[in-house]
């Protein structure tokens, strides 16, 4: 009986389909930088709108015009009859 200290199967030549490790690290770093930039923009936008947002507009429900405007009804429209049909 042969005892092997490593239970792994013997090495076989396998095709390398994955990109190199350095390329994966670069791509992961790029996407992390993109996500961090988007998070920073969202945080700045949120803080800006919270601190310097548009002022709250209050509406006075009892507001009256400074000068009273007379209410004039529209001019009456003369009544017309339809033409008789022969």
N, C-alpha and C. Protein backbone atom coordinates (compact mmCIF):
# COMPACT_ATOMS: atom_id res chain seq x y z
N UNK A 1 0.84 -1.16 0.00
CA UNK A 1 0.00 0.00 0.00
C UNK A 1 0.89 1.23 0.00
N UNK A 2 0.48 2.21 -0.87
CA UNK A 2 1.26 3.43 -1.01
C UNK A 2 0.50 4.55 -0.33
N UNK A 3 1.19 5.30 0.48
CA UNK A 3 0.57 6.43 1.18
C UNK A 3 1.08 7.71 0.54
N UNK A 4 0.16 8.54 0.08
CA UNK A 4 0.55 9.82 -0.50
C UNK A 4 0.18 10.92 0.47
N UNK A 5 1.07 11.84 0.72
CA UNK A 5 0.76 12.90 1.67
C UNK A 5 -0.24 13.93 1.11
N UNK A 6 -0.33 14.01 -0.21
CA UNK A 6 -1.23 14.99 -0.82
C UNK A 6 -2.34 14.23 -1.55
N UNK A 7 -3.61 14.40 -1.14
CA UNK A 7 -4.67 13.64 -1.79
C UNK A 7 -5.09 14.19 -3.15
N UNK A 8 -4.42 15.22 -3.64
CA UNK A 8 -4.77 15.78 -4.95
C UNK A 8 -4.45 14.80 -6.05
N UNK A 9 -5.23 14.93 -7.12
CA UNK A 9 -4.95 14.10 -8.29
C UNK A 9 -3.71 14.66 -8.98
N UNK A 10 -3.05 13.86 -9.71
CA UNK A 10 -1.86 14.36 -10.40
C UNK A 10 -2.20 15.51 -11.34
N UNK A 11 -1.25 16.40 -11.53
CA UNK A 11 -1.45 17.59 -12.36
C UNK A 11 -1.66 17.18 -13.80
N UNK A 12 -2.69 17.78 -14.40
CA UNK A 12 -2.93 17.58 -15.83
C UNK A 12 -2.87 18.94 -16.50
N UNK A 13 -2.49 18.95 -17.72
CA UNK A 13 -2.44 20.19 -18.49
C UNK A 13 -3.88 20.63 -18.76
N UNK A 14 -4.27 21.78 -18.23
CA UNK A 14 -5.61 22.30 -18.45
C UNK A 14 -5.53 23.57 -19.27
N UNK A 15 -6.51 23.78 -20.13
CA UNK A 15 -6.47 25.02 -20.93
C UNK A 15 -6.71 26.23 -20.02
N UNK A 16 -6.00 27.28 -20.32
CA UNK A 16 -6.14 28.51 -19.55
C UNK A 16 -7.20 29.38 -20.22
N UNK A 17 -8.42 29.35 -19.69
CA UNK A 17 -9.50 30.14 -20.27
C UNK A 17 -9.71 31.44 -19.52
N UNK A 18 -9.27 31.52 -18.30
CA UNK A 18 -9.46 32.74 -17.52
C UNK A 18 -8.36 33.74 -17.86
N UNK A 19 -8.69 35.04 -17.79
CA UNK A 19 -7.65 36.03 -18.04
C UNK A 19 -6.62 36.01 -16.91
N UNK A 20 -5.47 36.58 -17.16
CA UNK A 20 -4.42 36.59 -16.13
C UNK A 20 -4.90 37.29 -14.86
N UNK A 21 -4.31 36.93 -13.76
CA UNK A 21 -4.71 37.46 -12.45
C UNK A 21 -4.54 38.98 -12.40
N UNK A 22 -3.49 39.51 -13.01
CA UNK A 22 -3.26 40.96 -12.97
C UNK A 22 -4.38 41.70 -13.70
N UNK A 23 -4.90 41.12 -14.79
CA UNK A 23 -5.99 41.75 -15.51
C UNK A 23 -7.27 41.75 -14.67
N UNK A 24 -7.51 40.67 -13.96
CA UNK A 24 -8.68 40.59 -13.09
C UNK A 24 -8.57 41.62 -11.96
N UNK A 25 -7.38 41.79 -11.41
CA UNK A 25 -7.19 42.78 -10.36
C UNK A 25 -7.43 44.19 -10.88
N UNK A 26 -6.98 44.47 -12.10
CA UNK A 26 -7.17 45.79 -12.70
C UNK A 26 -8.65 46.05 -12.96
N UNK A 27 -9.36 45.07 -13.49
CA UNK A 27 -10.79 45.23 -13.77
C UNK A 27 -11.57 45.41 -12.48
N UNK A 28 -11.24 44.65 -11.46
CA UNK A 28 -11.93 44.79 -10.18
C UNK A 28 -11.66 46.16 -9.58
N UNK A 29 -10.44 46.63 -9.69
CA UNK A 29 -10.10 47.96 -9.18
C UNK A 29 -10.84 49.05 -9.93
N UNK A 30 -10.96 48.90 -11.25
CA UNK A 30 -11.68 49.88 -12.05
C UNK A 30 -13.13 49.96 -11.62
N UNK A 31 -13.81 48.81 -11.49
CA UNK A 31 -15.23 48.83 -11.13
C UNK A 31 -15.43 49.32 -9.70
N UNK A 32 -14.49 49.04 -8.82
CA UNK A 32 -14.59 49.58 -7.46
C UNK A 32 -14.45 51.10 -7.49
N UNK A 33 -13.57 51.63 -8.33
CA UNK A 33 -13.42 53.08 -8.44
C UNK A 33 -14.69 53.71 -9.03
N UNK A 34 -15.30 53.06 -10.01
CA UNK A 34 -16.54 53.57 -10.59
C UNK A 34 -17.65 53.61 -9.54
N UNK A 35 -17.79 52.55 -8.78
CA UNK A 35 -18.83 52.49 -7.74
C UNK A 35 -18.56 53.53 -6.65
N UNK A 36 -17.29 53.69 -6.28
CA UNK A 36 -16.95 54.69 -5.26
C UNK A 36 -17.25 56.10 -5.77
N UNK A 37 -16.97 56.37 -7.04
CA UNK A 37 -17.27 57.70 -7.59
C UNK A 37 -18.77 57.96 -7.63
N UNK A 38 -19.55 56.97 -8.02
CA UNK A 38 -21.01 57.13 -8.02
C UNK A 38 -21.55 57.34 -6.61
N UNK A 39 -21.00 56.63 -5.65
CA UNK A 39 -21.43 56.81 -4.27
C UNK A 39 -21.07 58.21 -3.77
N UNK A 40 -19.90 58.72 -4.14
CA UNK A 40 -19.50 60.06 -3.73
C UNK A 40 -20.41 61.11 -4.36
N UNK A 41 -20.75 60.96 -5.63
CA UNK A 41 -21.65 61.90 -6.29
C UNK A 41 -23.03 61.87 -5.63
N UNK A 42 -23.53 60.68 -5.31
CA UNK A 42 -24.84 60.57 -4.67
C UNK A 42 -24.82 61.22 -3.28
N UNK A 43 -23.74 61.02 -2.54
CA UNK A 43 -23.62 61.63 -1.21
C UNK A 43 -23.56 63.15 -1.30
N UNK A 44 -22.78 63.68 -2.22
CA UNK A 44 -22.67 65.14 -2.39
C UNK A 44 -24.02 65.71 -2.81
N UNK A 45 -24.71 65.05 -3.72
CA UNK A 45 -26.03 65.52 -4.16
C UNK A 45 -27.02 65.53 -3.00
N UNK A 46 -27.01 64.48 -2.21
CA UNK A 46 -27.92 64.41 -1.06
C UNK A 46 -27.62 65.51 -0.05
N UNK A 47 -26.36 65.70 0.27
CA UNK A 47 -26.00 66.75 1.24
C UNK A 47 -26.30 68.14 0.69
N UNK A 48 -26.08 68.36 -0.59
CA UNK A 48 -26.36 69.67 -1.18
C UNK A 48 -27.85 69.97 -1.11
N UNK A 49 -28.68 69.00 -1.48
CA UNK A 49 -30.12 69.25 -1.44
C UNK A 49 -30.62 69.39 -0.01
N UNK A 50 -29.97 68.75 0.94
CA UNK A 50 -30.41 68.86 2.33
C UNK A 50 -30.03 70.22 2.91
N UNK A 51 -28.86 70.74 2.57
CA UNK A 51 -28.39 72.01 3.16
C UNK A 51 -28.81 73.22 2.34
N UNK A 52 -28.66 73.16 1.02
CA UNK A 52 -28.89 74.32 0.17
C UNK A 52 -30.06 74.13 -0.77
N UNK A 53 -31.00 73.32 -0.39
CA UNK A 53 -32.14 73.04 -1.26
C UNK A 53 -32.99 74.27 -1.48
N UNK A 54 -33.99 74.16 -2.31
CA UNK A 54 -34.85 75.32 -2.58
C UNK A 54 -35.60 75.71 -1.30
N UNK A 55 -35.85 77.00 -1.13
CA UNK A 55 -36.54 77.43 0.09
C UNK A 55 -37.98 76.92 0.10
N UNK A 56 -38.47 76.74 1.29
CA UNK A 56 -39.85 76.29 1.43
C UNK A 56 -40.76 77.47 1.12
N UNK A 57 -41.68 77.29 0.21
CA UNK A 57 -42.58 78.37 -0.20
C UNK A 57 -43.87 78.21 0.60
N UNK A 58 -44.19 79.26 1.36
CA UNK A 58 -45.45 79.22 2.11
C UNK A 58 -46.48 80.06 1.36
N UNK A 59 -47.69 79.58 1.32
CA UNK A 59 -48.76 80.26 0.60
C UNK A 59 -49.73 80.83 1.62
N UNK A 60 -50.01 82.12 1.49
CA UNK A 60 -50.97 82.77 2.38
C UNK A 60 -52.36 82.53 1.81
N UNK A 61 -53.16 81.77 2.53
CA UNK A 61 -54.50 81.46 2.02
C UNK A 61 -55.46 82.63 2.17
N UNK A 62 -55.12 83.63 2.97
CA UNK A 62 -55.98 84.80 3.16
C UNK A 62 -55.48 86.01 2.37
N UNK A 63 -54.67 85.79 1.37
CA UNK A 63 -54.11 86.89 0.60
C UNK A 63 -55.20 87.56 -0.23
N UNK A 64 -55.16 88.89 -0.28
CA UNK A 64 -56.11 89.69 -1.06
C UNK A 64 -55.31 90.59 -1.99
N UNK A 65 -55.87 90.96 -3.13
CA UNK A 65 -55.15 91.89 -4.01
C UNK A 65 -55.04 93.26 -3.34
N UNK A 66 -53.98 93.99 -3.69
CA UNK A 66 -53.78 95.31 -3.10
C UNK A 66 -54.89 96.27 -3.50
N UNK A 67 -55.35 96.18 -4.72
CA UNK A 67 -56.43 97.04 -5.22
C UNK A 67 -57.56 96.13 -5.64
N UNK A 68 -58.77 96.45 -5.15
CA UNK A 68 -59.91 95.64 -5.52
C UNK A 68 -60.23 95.82 -7.00
N UNK A 69 -60.32 94.74 -7.71
CA UNK A 69 -60.64 94.76 -9.12
C UNK A 69 -62.14 94.54 -9.27
N UNK A 70 -62.84 95.41 -10.02
CA UNK A 70 -64.27 95.17 -10.21
C UNK A 70 -64.48 93.94 -11.09
N UNK A 71 -65.47 93.18 -10.74
CA UNK A 71 -65.78 91.98 -11.51
C UNK A 71 -66.78 92.37 -12.59
N UNK A 72 -66.36 92.26 -13.82
CA UNK A 72 -67.24 92.61 -14.95
C UNK A 72 -67.66 91.33 -15.64
N UNK A 73 -68.94 91.15 -15.83
CA UNK A 73 -69.37 89.94 -16.53
C UNK A 73 -69.03 90.04 -18.01
N UNK A 74 -68.92 88.93 -18.66
CA UNK A 74 -68.60 88.98 -20.09
C UNK A 74 -69.78 89.57 -20.88
N UNK A 75 -69.47 90.13 -22.00
CA UNK A 75 -70.51 90.73 -22.85
C UNK A 75 -71.46 89.64 -23.32
N UNK A 76 -72.76 89.96 -23.37
CA UNK A 76 -73.72 88.93 -23.80
C UNK A 76 -73.56 88.62 -25.28
N UNK A 77 -73.80 87.39 -25.60
CA UNK A 77 -73.69 86.94 -26.98
C UNK A 77 -75.09 86.99 -27.58
N UNK A 78 -75.26 87.68 -28.71
CA UNK A 78 -76.61 87.76 -29.30
C UNK A 78 -77.10 86.37 -29.72
N UNK A 79 -78.36 86.13 -29.46
CA UNK A 79 -78.94 84.85 -29.82
C UNK A 79 -79.21 84.80 -31.31
N UNK A 80 -78.93 83.71 -31.91
CA UNK A 80 -79.20 83.54 -33.34
C UNK A 80 -80.04 82.29 -33.52
N UNK A 81 -80.91 82.37 -34.52
CA UNK A 81 -81.71 81.20 -34.85
C UNK A 81 -81.10 80.52 -36.04
N UNK A 82 -81.24 79.21 -36.07
CA UNK A 82 -80.72 78.53 -37.25
C UNK A 82 -81.59 78.83 -38.47
N UNK A 83 -80.95 78.78 -39.62
CA UNK A 83 -81.67 79.02 -40.87
C UNK A 83 -82.73 77.96 -41.06
N UNK A 84 -83.93 78.36 -41.52
CA UNK A 84 -84.93 77.34 -41.77
C UNK A 84 -84.55 76.45 -42.94
N UNK A 85 -84.88 75.22 -42.85
CA UNK A 85 -84.57 74.29 -43.94
C UNK A 85 -85.77 74.20 -44.87
N UNK A 86 -85.56 74.22 -46.18
CA UNK A 86 -86.71 74.17 -47.12
C UNK A 86 -87.37 72.81 -47.17
